[in-house]
Amino acid sequence: GVSVLADALRVNTSLKELSLRYNGIGNEGVSVLADSLRVNTSLKVLNLESDGIGDGGVSVLADVLKLNTSLKVLNLDSNSIGDGGVSVLAD
């Protein structure tokens, strides 16, 4: 699942774009993925559309985005993100 992919992202230096849309990884999957995004410097585009991500998952991503400066496009369309999650991302 996501943990195998996250392990690969930790060491991968060539992948530029990753789409996990419609995979339903949810907040737990995002947390696993976020750990690898802390060290990955090659990924530029991450598509997490319709993955069942809520405010908790967005909070984890917001923390990672403070450290990861290589990710330029993050698609979170059609998830369950409320005003609280949007506010965390905006900070």
PDB file of N, CA and C in Angstrom:
ATOM      1  N   GLY A   1       0.791  -1.182   0.000  1.00  0.00           N
ATOM      2  CA  GLY A   1       0.000   0.000   0.000  1.00  0.00           C
ATOM      3  C   GLY A   1       0.841   1.256   0.000  1.00  0.00           C
ATOM      4  N   VAL A   2       0.347   2.256   0.678  1.00  0.00           N
ATOM      5  CA  VAL A   2       1.002   3.559   0.726  1.00  0.00           C
ATOM      6  C   VAL A   2       2.366   3.469   1.409  1.00  0.00           C
ATOM      7  N   SER A   3       2.512   2.587   2.372  1.00  0.00           N
ATOM      8  CA  SER A   3       3.793   2.501   3.092  1.00  0.00           C
ATOM      9  C   SER A   3       4.931   2.051   2.176  1.00  0.00           C
ATOM     10  N   VAL A   4       4.655   1.152   1.247  1.00  0.00           N
ATOM     11  CA  VAL A   4       5.677   0.711   0.287  1.00  0.00           C
ATOM     12  C   VAL A   4       6.066   1.873  -0.622  1.00  0.00           C
ATOM     13  N   LEU A   5       5.070   2.595  -1.076  1.00  0.00           N
ATOM     14  CA  LEU A   5       5.323   3.760  -1.920  1.00  0.00           C
ATOM     15  C   LEU A   5       6.100   4.837  -1.153  1.00  0.00           C
ATOM     16  N   ALA A   6       5.728   5.065   0.079  1.00  0.00           N
ATOM     17  CA  ALA A   6       6.416   6.065   0.903  1.00  0.00           C
ATOM     18  C   ALA A   6       7.882   5.693   1.103  1.00  0.00           C
ATOM     19  N   ASP A   7       8.152   4.419   1.321  1.00  0.00           N
ATOM     20  CA  ASP A   7       9.539   3.961   1.454  1.00  0.00           C
ATOM     21  C   ASP A   7      10.334   4.256   0.189  1.00  0.00           C
ATOM     22  N   ALA A   8       9.730   4.032  -0.959  1.00  0.00           N
ATOM     23  CA  ALA A   8      10.401   4.289  -2.240  1.00  0.00           C
ATOM     24  C   ALA A   8      10.648   5.787  -2.438  1.00  0.00           C
ATOM     25  N   LEU A   9       9.701   6.620  -2.027  1.00  0.00           N
ATOM     26  CA  LEU A   9       9.860   8.065  -2.183  1.00  0.00           C
ATOM     27  C   LEU A   9      11.007   8.619  -1.336  1.00  0.00           C
ATOM     28  N   ARG A  10      11.310   7.957  -0.248  1.00  0.00           N
ATOM     29  CA  ARG A  10      12.400   8.417   0.617  1.00  0.00           C
ATOM     30  C   ARG A  10      13.747   8.391  -0.105  1.00  0.00           C
ATOM     31  N   VAL A  11      13.917   7.429  -0.994  1.00  0.00           N
ATOM     32  CA  VAL A  11      15.210   7.259  -1.663  1.00  0.00           C
ATOM     33  C   VAL A  11      15.180   7.642  -3.147  1.00  0.00           C
ATOM     34  N   ASN A  12      14.001   7.849  -3.710  1.00  0.00           N
ATOM     35  CA  ASN A  12      13.887   8.160  -5.128  1.00  0.00           C
ATOM     36  C   ASN A  12      14.335   9.590  -5.404  1.00  0.00           C
ATOM     37  N   THR A  13      15.134   9.754  -6.452  1.00  0.00           N
ATOM     38  CA  THR A  13      15.612  11.088  -6.816  1.00  0.00           C
ATOM     39  C   THR A  13      15.202  11.495  -8.227  1.00  0.00           C
ATOM     40  N   SER A  14      14.377  10.690  -8.889  1.00  0.00           N
ATOM     41  CA  SER A  14      14.025  11.011 -10.265  1.00  0.00           C
ATOM     42  C   SER A  14      12.530  11.240 -10.509  1.00  0.00           C
ATOM     43  N   LEU A  15      11.657  10.726  -9.663  1.00  0.00           N
ATOM     44  CA  LEU A  15      10.215  10.887  -9.860  1.00  0.00           C
ATOM     45  C   LEU A  15       9.823  12.350  -9.654  1.00  0.00           C
ATOM     46  N   LYS A  16       9.159  12.919 -10.647  1.00  0.00           N
ATOM     47  CA  LYS A  16       8.765  14.332 -10.591  1.00  0.00           C
ATOM     48  C   LYS A  16       7.275  14.521 -10.309  1.00  0.00           C
ATOM     49  N   GLU A  17       6.456  13.547 -10.720  1.00  0.00           N
ATOM     50  CA  GLU A  17       5.010  13.684 -10.588  1.00  0.00           C
ATOM     51  C   GLU A  17       4.399  12.364 -10.123  1.00  0.00           C
ATOM     52  N   LEU A  18       3.480  12.459  -9.156  1.00  0.00           N
ATOM     53  CA  LEU A  18       2.838  11.269  -8.615  1.00  0.00           C
ATOM     54  C   LEU A  18       1.346  11.535  -8.458  1.00  0.00           C
ATOM     55  N   SER A  19       0.531  10.666  -9.028  1.00  0.00           N
ATOM     56  CA  SER A  19      -0.913  10.768  -8.894  1.00  0.00           C
ATOM     57  C   SER A  19      -1.438   9.578  -8.104  1.00  0.00           C
ATOM     58  N   LEU A  20      -2.054   9.874  -6.985  1.00  0.00           N
ATOM     59  CA  LEU A  20      -2.700   8.852  -6.154  1.00  0.00           C
ATOM     60  C   LEU A  20      -4.205   9.106  -6.067  1.00  0.00           C
ATOM     61  N   ARG A  21      -4.725   9.842  -7.021  1.00  0.00           N
ATOM     62  CA  ARG A  21      -6.145  10.213  -6.976  1.00  0.00           C
ATOM     63  C   ARG A  21      -7.049   8.979  -7.012  1.00  0.00           C
ATOM     64  N   TYR A  22      -8.152   9.095  -6.305  1.00  0.00           N
ATOM     65  CA  TYR A  22      -9.159   8.038  -6.206  1.00  0.00           C
ATOM     66  C   TYR A  22      -8.622   6.745  -5.593  1.00  0.00           C
ATOM     67  N   ASN A  23      -7.637   6.845  -4.728  1.00  0.00           N
ATOM     68  CA  ASN A  23      -7.101   5.665  -4.063  1.00  0.00           C
ATOM     69  C   ASN A  23      -7.584   5.538  -2.617  1.00  0.00           C
ATOM     70  N   GLY A  24      -8.276   6.558  -2.119  1.00  0.00           N
ATOM     71  CA  GLY A  24      -8.841   6.487  -0.770  1.00  0.00           C
ATOM     72  C   GLY A  24      -7.809   6.280   0.329  1.00  0.00           C
ATOM     73  N   ILE A  25      -6.667   6.947   0.213  1.00  0.00           N
ATOM     74  CA  ILE A  25      -5.611   6.736   1.212  1.00  0.00           C
ATOM     75  C   ILE A  25      -5.949   7.347   2.566  1.00  0.00           C
ATOM     76  N   GLY A  26      -6.825   8.335   2.591  1.00  0.00           N
ATOM     77  CA  GLY A  26      -7.296   8.928   3.831  1.00  0.00           C
ATOM     78  C   GLY A  26      -6.208   9.621   4.639  1.00  0.00           C
ATOM     79  N   ASN A  27      -6.574  10.029   5.840  1.00  0.00           N
ATOM     80  CA  ASN A  27      -5.638  10.744   6.717  1.00  0.00           C
ATOM     81  C   ASN A  27      -4.452   9.878   7.117  1.00  0.00           C
ATOM     82  N   GLU A  28      -4.713   8.604   7.357  1.00  0.00           N
ATOM     83  CA  GLU A  28      -3.628   7.701   7.766  1.00  0.00           C
ATOM     84  C   GLU A  28      -2.593   7.542   6.646  1.00  0.00           C
ATOM     85  N   GLY A  29      -3.067   7.368   5.432  1.00  0.00           N
ATOM     86  CA  GLY A  29      -2.167   7.231   4.291  1.00  0.00           C
ATOM     87  C   GLY A  29      -1.362   8.493   4.042  1.00  0.00           C
ATOM     88  N   VAL A  30      -2.008   9.635   4.215  1.00  0.00           N
ATOM     89  CA  VAL A  30      -1.313  10.911   4.045  1.00  0.00           C
ATOM     90  C   VAL A  30      -0.213  11.059   5.092  1.00  0.00           C
ATOM     91  N   SER A  31      -0.469  10.623   6.300  1.00  0.00           N
ATOM     92  CA  SER A  31       0.546  10.706   7.355  1.00  0.00           C
ATOM     93  C   SER A  31       1.771   9.871   7.007  1.00  0.00           C
ATOM     94  N   VAL A  32       1.555   8.686   6.472  1.00  0.00           N
ATOM     95  CA  VAL A  32       2.660   7.816   6.052  1.00  0.00           C
ATOM     96  C   VAL A  32       3.420   8.468   4.900  1.00  0.00           C
ATOM     97  N   LEU A  33       2.688   8.992   3.943  1.00  0.00           N
ATOM     98  CA  LEU A  33       3.293   9.644   2.785  1.00  0.00           C
ATOM     99  C   LEU A  33       4.066  10.907   3.194  1.00  0.00           C
ATOM    100  N   ALA A  34       3.528  11.634   4.142  1.00  0.00           N
ATOM    101  CA  ALA A  34       4.149  12.880   4.587  1.00  0.00           C
ATOM    102  C   ALA A  34       5.554  12.656   5.139  1.00  0.00           C
ATOM    103  N   ASP A  35       5.761  11.558   5.828  1.00  0.00           N
ATOM    104  CA  ASP A  35       7.091  11.271   6.363  1.00  0.00           C
ATOM    105  C   ASP A  35       8.131  11.209   5.253  1.00  0.00           C
ATOM    106  N   SER A  36       7.777  10.629   4.117  1.00  0.00           N
ATOM    107  CA  SER A  36       8.728  10.542   3.010  1.00  0.00           C
ATOM    108  C   SER A  36       8.901  11.887   2.315  1.00  0.00           C
ATOM    109  N   LEU A  37       7.856  12.706   2.314  1.00  0.00           N
ATOM    110  CA  LEU A  37       7.952  14.023   1.687  1.00  0.00           C
ATOM    111  C   LEU A  37       8.876  14.959   2.461  1.00  0.00           C
ATOM    112  N   ARG A  38       9.142  14.633   3.700  1.00  0.00           N
ATOM    113  CA  ARG A  38      10.078  15.451   4.486  1.00  0.00           C
ATOM    114  C   ARG A  38      11.497  15.374   3.922  1.00  0.00           C
ATOM    115  N   VAL A  39      11.828  14.249   3.289  1.00  0.00           N
ATOM    116  CA  VAL A  39      13.192  14.063   2.780  1.00  0.00           C
ATOM    117  C   VAL A  39      13.273  14.026   1.251  1.00  0.00           C
ATOM    118  N   ASN A  40      12.154  13.813   0.567  1.00  0.00           N
ATOM    119  CA  ASN A  40      12.176  13.742  -0.892  1.00  0.00           C
ATOM    120  C   ASN A  40      12.336  15.146  -1.475  1.00  0.00           C
ATOM    121  N   THR A  41      13.284  15.295  -2.394  1.00  0.00           N
ATOM    122  CA  THR A  41      13.525  16.601  -3.008  1.00  0.00           C
ATOM    123  C   THR A  41      13.281  16.610  -4.515  1.00  0.00           C
ATOM    124  N   SER A  42      12.773  15.519  -5.071  1.00  0.00           N
ATOM    125  CA  SER A  42      12.567  15.469  -6.521  1.00  0.00           C
ATOM    126  C   SER A  42      11.112  15.653  -6.942  1.00  0.00           C
ATOM    127  N   LEU A  43      10.167  15.293  -6.078  1.00  0.00           N
ATOM    128  CA  LEU A  43       8.750  15.352  -6.443  1.00  0.00           C
ATOM    129  C   LEU A  43       8.284  16.804  -6.564  1.00  0.00           C
ATOM    130  N   LYS A  44       7.701  17.121  -7.715  1.00  0.00           N
ATOM    131  CA  LYS A  44       7.220  18.484  -7.975  1.00  0.00           C
ATOM    132  C   LYS A  44       5.693  18.579  -7.946  1.00  0.00           C
ATOM    133  N   VAL A  45       5.007  17.480  -8.330  1.00  0.00           N
ATOM    134  CA  VAL A  45       3.548  17.474  -8.441  1.00  0.00           C
ATOM    135  C   VAL A  45       2.997  16.256  -7.709  1.00  0.00           C
ATOM    136  N   LEU A  46       2.040  16.479  -6.812  1.00  0.00           N
ATOM    137  CA  LEU A  46       1.391  15.395  -6.078  1.00  0.00           C
ATOM    138  C   LEU A  46      -0.115  15.569  -6.185  1.00  0.00           C
ATOM    139  N   ASN A  47      -0.783  14.582  -6.755  1.00  0.00           N
ATOM    140  CA  ASN A  47      -2.222  14.632  -6.941  1.00  0.00           C
ATOM    141  C   ASN A  47      -2.889  13.690  -5.943  1.00  0.00           C
ATOM    142  N   LEU A  48      -3.615  14.258  -4.999  1.00  0.00           N
ATOM    143  CA  LEU A  48      -4.329  13.490  -3.974  1.00  0.00           C
ATOM    144  C   LEU A  48      -5.842  13.725  -4.068  1.00  0.00           C
ATOM    145  N   GLU A  49      -6.321  13.927  -5.277  1.00  0.00           N
ATOM    146  CA  GLU A  49      -7.743  14.180  -5.511  1.00  0.00           C
ATOM    147  C   GLU A  49      -8.596  12.989  -5.089  1.00  0.00           C
ATOM    148  N   SER A  50      -9.705  13.280  -4.434  1.00  0.00           N
ATOM    149  CA  SER A  50     -10.702  12.273  -4.047  1.00  0.00           C
ATOM    150  C   SER A  50     -10.088  11.106  -3.285  1.00  0.00           C
ATOM    151  N   ASP A  51      -9.301  11.415  -2.276  1.00  0.00           N
ATOM    152  CA  ASP A  51      -8.631  10.376  -1.498  1.00  0.00           C
ATOM    153  C   ASP A  51      -9.136  10.257  -0.055  1.00  0.00           C
ATOM    154  N   GLY A  52     -10.252  10.903   0.258  1.00  0.00           N
ATOM    155  CA  GLY A  52     -10.813  10.786   1.596  1.00  0.00           C
ATOM    156  C   GLY A  52      -9.983  11.480   2.663  1.00  0.00           C
ATOM    157  N   ILE A  53      -9.322  12.551   2.277  1.00  0.00           N
ATOM    158  CA  ILE A  53      -8.464  13.294   3.202  1.00  0.00           C
ATOM    159  C   ILE A  53      -9.291  14.374   3.886  1.00  0.00           C
ATOM    160  N   GLY A  54      -9.132  14.467   5.195  1.00  0.00           N
ATOM    161  CA  GLY A  54      -9.849  15.473   5.974  1.00  0.00           C
ATOM    162  C   GLY A  54      -8.884  16.476   6.590  1.00  0.00           C
ATOM    163  N   ASP A  55      -9.376  17.232   7.546  1.00  0.00           N
ATOM    164  CA  ASP A  55      -8.573  18.273   8.176  1.00  0.00           C
ATOM    165  C   ASP A  55      -7.317  17.724   8.851  1.00  0.00           C
ATOM    166  N   GLY A  56      -7.414  16.523   9.427  1.00  0.00           N
ATOM    167  CA  GLY A  56      -6.249  15.927  10.077  1.00  0.00           C
ATOM    168  C   GLY A  56      -5.124  15.647   9.094  1.00  0.00           C
ATOM    169  N   GLY A  57      -5.463  15.118   7.941  1.00  0.00           N
ATOM    170  CA  GLY A  57      -4.463  14.839   6.913  1.00  0.00           C
ATOM    171  C   GLY A  57      -3.861  16.111   6.354  1.00  0.00           C
ATOM    172  N   VAL A  58      -4.693  17.131   6.179  1.00  0.00           N
ATOM    173  CA  VAL A  58      -4.219  18.409   5.668  1.00  0.00           C
ATOM    174  C   VAL A  58      -3.260  19.062   6.665  1.00  0.00           C
ATOM    175  N   SER A  59      -3.526  18.905   7.926  1.00  0.00           N
ATOM    176  CA  SER A  59      -2.647  19.458   8.959  1.00  0.00           C
ATOM    177  C   SER A  59      -1.247  18.848   8.863  1.00  0.00           C
ATOM    178  N   VAL A  60      -1.183  17.543   8.653  1.00  0.00           N
ATOM    179  CA  VAL A  60       0.101  16.852   8.497  1.00  0.00           C
ATOM    180  C   VAL A  60       0.812  17.355   7.241  1.00  0.00           C
ATOM    181  N   LEU A  61       0.074  17.501   6.155  1.00  0.00           N
ATOM    182  CA  LEU A  61       0.666  18.003   4.909  1.00  0.00           C
ATOM    183  C   LEU A  61       1.177  19.427   5.072  1.00  0.00           C
ATOM    184  N   ALA A  62       0.437  20.259   5.779  1.00  0.00           N
ATOM    185  CA  ALA A  62       0.854  21.650   5.989  1.00  0.00           C
ATOM    186  C   ALA A  62       2.195  21.711   6.717  1.00  0.00           C
ATOM    187  N   ASP A  63       2.380  20.834   7.692  1.00  0.00           N
ATOM    188  CA  ASP A  63       3.662  20.784   8.410  1.00  0.00           C
ATOM    189  C   ASP A  63       4.798  20.398   7.475  1.00  0.00           C
ATOM    190  N   VAL A  64       4.557  19.440   6.606  1.00  0.00           N
ATOM    191  CA  VAL A  64       5.578  18.973   5.662  1.00  0.00           C
ATOM    192  C   VAL A  64       5.923  20.067   4.654  1.00  0.00           C
ATOM    193  N   LEU A  65       4.913  20.803   4.201  1.00  0.00           N
ATOM    194  CA  LEU A  65       5.148  21.837   3.197  1.00  0.00           C
ATOM    195  C   LEU A  65       6.035  22.963   3.717  1.00  0.00           C
ATOM    196  N   LYS A  66       6.136  23.095   5.011  1.00  0.00           N
ATOM    197  CA  LYS A  66       7.049  24.087   5.585  1.00  0.00           C
ATOM    198  C   LYS A  66       8.502  23.672   5.380  1.00  0.00           C
ATOM    199  N   LEU A  67       8.732  22.364   5.245  1.00  0.00           N
ATOM    200  CA  LEU A  67      10.084  21.823   5.069  1.00  0.00           C
ATOM    201  C   LEU A  67      10.397  21.487   3.619  1.00  0.00           C
ATOM    202  N   ASN A  68       9.425  20.969   2.901  1.00  0.00           N
ATOM    203  CA  ASN A  68       9.637  20.520   1.527  1.00  0.00           C
ATOM    204  C   ASN A  68       9.415  21.692   0.575  1.00  0.00           C
ATOM    205  N   THR A  69      10.501  22.172  -0.007  1.00  0.00           N
ATOM    206  CA  THR A  69      10.397  23.314  -0.912  1.00  0.00           C
ATOM    207  C   THR A  69      10.379  22.897  -2.380  1.00  0.00           C
ATOM    208  N   SER A  70      10.506  21.616  -2.660  1.00  0.00           N
ATOM    209  CA  SER A  70      10.519  21.161  -4.050  1.00  0.00           C
ATOM    210  C   SER A  70       9.116  20.893  -4.599  1.00  0.00           C
ATOM    211  N   LEU A  71       8.162  20.549  -3.743  1.00  0.00           N
ATOM    212  CA  LEU A  71       6.793  20.282  -4.188  1.00  0.00           C
ATOM    213  C   LEU A  71       6.121  21.600  -4.567  1.00  0.00           C
ATOM    214  N   LYS A  72       5.715  21.705  -5.820  1.00  0.00           N
ATOM    215  CA  LYS A  72       5.148  22.959  -6.328  1.00  0.00           C
ATOM    216  C   LYS A  72       3.641  22.885  -6.556  1.00  0.00           C
ATOM    217  N   VAL A  73       3.102  21.681  -6.830  1.00  0.00           N
ATOM    218  CA  VAL A  73       1.675  21.520  -7.101  1.00  0.00           C
ATOM    219  C   VAL A  73       1.128  20.402  -6.224  1.00  0.00           C
ATOM    220  N   LEU A  74       0.101  20.730  -5.444  1.00  0.00           N
ATOM    221  CA  LEU A  74      -0.564  19.755  -4.584  1.00  0.00           C
ATOM    222  C   LEU A  74      -2.058  19.839  -4.862  1.00  0.00           C
ATOM    223  N   ASN A  75      -2.627  18.794  -5.447  1.00  0.00           N
ATOM    224  CA  ASN A  75      -4.044  18.772  -5.776  1.00  0.00           C
ATOM    225  C   ASN A  75      -4.800  18.034  -4.675  1.00  0.00           C
ATOM    226  N   LEU A  76      -5.683  18.746  -4.003  1.00  0.00           N
ATOM    227  CA  LEU A  76      -6.510  18.175  -2.936  1.00  0.00           C
ATOM    228  C   LEU A  76      -7.999  18.284  -3.267  1.00  0.00           C
ATOM    229  N   ASP A  77      -8.322  18.411  -4.555  1.00  0.00           N
ATOM    230  CA  ASP A  77      -9.728  18.515  -4.979  1.00  0.00           C
ATOM    231  C   ASP A  77     -10.550  17.333  -4.470  1.00  0.00           C
ATOM    232  N   SER A  78     -11.795  17.593  -4.174  1.00  0.00           N
ATOM    233  CA  SER A  78     -12.794  16.568  -3.845  1.00  0.00           C
ATOM    234  C   SER A  78     -12.407  15.709  -2.647  1.00  0.00           C
ATOM    235  N   ASN A  79     -11.864  16.345  -1.622  1.00  0.00           N
ATOM    236  CA  ASN A  79     -11.608  15.681  -0.350  1.00  0.00           C
ATOM    237  C   ASN A  79     -12.531  16.293   0.697  1.00  0.00           C
ATOM    238  N   SER A  80     -12.452  15.830   1.922  1.00  0.00           N
ATOM    239  CA  SER A  80     -13.343  16.298   2.989  1.00  0.00           C
ATOM    240  C   SER A  80     -12.646  17.340   3.862  1.00  0.00           C
ATOM    241  N   ILE A  81     -12.142  18.369   3.215  1.00  0.00           N
ATOM    242  CA  ILE A  81     -11.384  19.403   3.914  1.00  0.00           C
ATOM    243  C   ILE A  81     -12.323  20.543   4.281  1.00  0.00           C
ATOM    244  N   GLY A  82     -12.406  20.843   5.566  1.00  0.00           N
ATOM    245  CA  GLY A  82     -13.269  21.912   6.044  1.00  0.00           C
ATOM    246  C   GLY A  82     -12.520  23.223   6.170  1.00  0.00           C
ATOM    247  N   ASP A  83     -13.186  24.192   6.754  1.00  0.00           N
ATOM    248  CA  ASP A  83     -12.581  25.512   6.924  1.00  0.00           C
ATOM    249  C   ASP A  83     -11.311  25.457   7.772  1.00  0.00           C
ATOM    250  N   GLY A  84     -11.307  24.578   8.769  1.00  0.00           N
ATOM    251  CA  GLY A  84     -10.121  24.442   9.621  1.00  0.00           C
ATOM    252  C   GLY A  84      -8.915  23.957   8.831  1.00  0.00           C
ATOM    253  N   GLY A  85      -9.132  23.008   7.955  1.00  0.00           N
ATOM    254  CA  GLY A  85      -8.039  22.481   7.132  1.00  0.00           C
ATOM    255  C   GLY A  85      -7.529  23.519   6.151  1.00  0.00           C
ATOM    256  N   VAL A  86      -8.446  24.264   5.569  1.00  0.00           N
ATOM    257  CA  VAL A  86      -8.052  25.324   4.632  1.00  0.00           C
ATOM    258  C   VAL A  86      -7.235  26.382   5.357  1.00  0.00           C
ATOM    259  N   SER A  87      -7.636  26.706   6.555  1.00  0.00           N
ATOM    260  CA  SER A  87      -6.927  27.708   7.352  1.00  0.00           C
ATOM    261  C   SER A  87      -5.504  27.250   7.667  1.00  0.00           C
ATOM    262  N   VAL A  88      -5.355  25.987   8.020  1.00  0.00           N
ATOM    263  CA  VAL A  88      -4.015  25.434   8.324  1.00  0.00           C
ATOM    264  C   VAL A  88      -3.137  25.493   7.090  1.00  0.00           C
ATOM    265  N   LEU A  89      -3.679  25.162   5.939  1.00  0.00           N
ATOM    266  CA  LEU A  89      -2.900  25.214   4.692  1.00  0.00           C
ATOM    267  C   LEU A  89      -2.501  26.634   4.339  1.00  0.00           C
ATOM    268  N   ALA A  90      -3.383  27.570   4.603  1.00  0.00           N
ATOM    269  CA  ALA A  90      -3.117  28.975   4.263  1.00  0.00           C
ATOM    270  C   ALA A  90      -1.987  29.549   5.116  1.00  0.00           C
ATOM    271  N   ASP A  91      -1.805  29.014   6.308  1.00  0.00           N
ATOM    272  CA  ASP A  91      -0.722  29.504   7.177  1.00  0.00           C
ATOM    273  C   ASP A  91       0.573  28.997   6.639  1.00  0.00           C
TER     274      ASP A  91
END
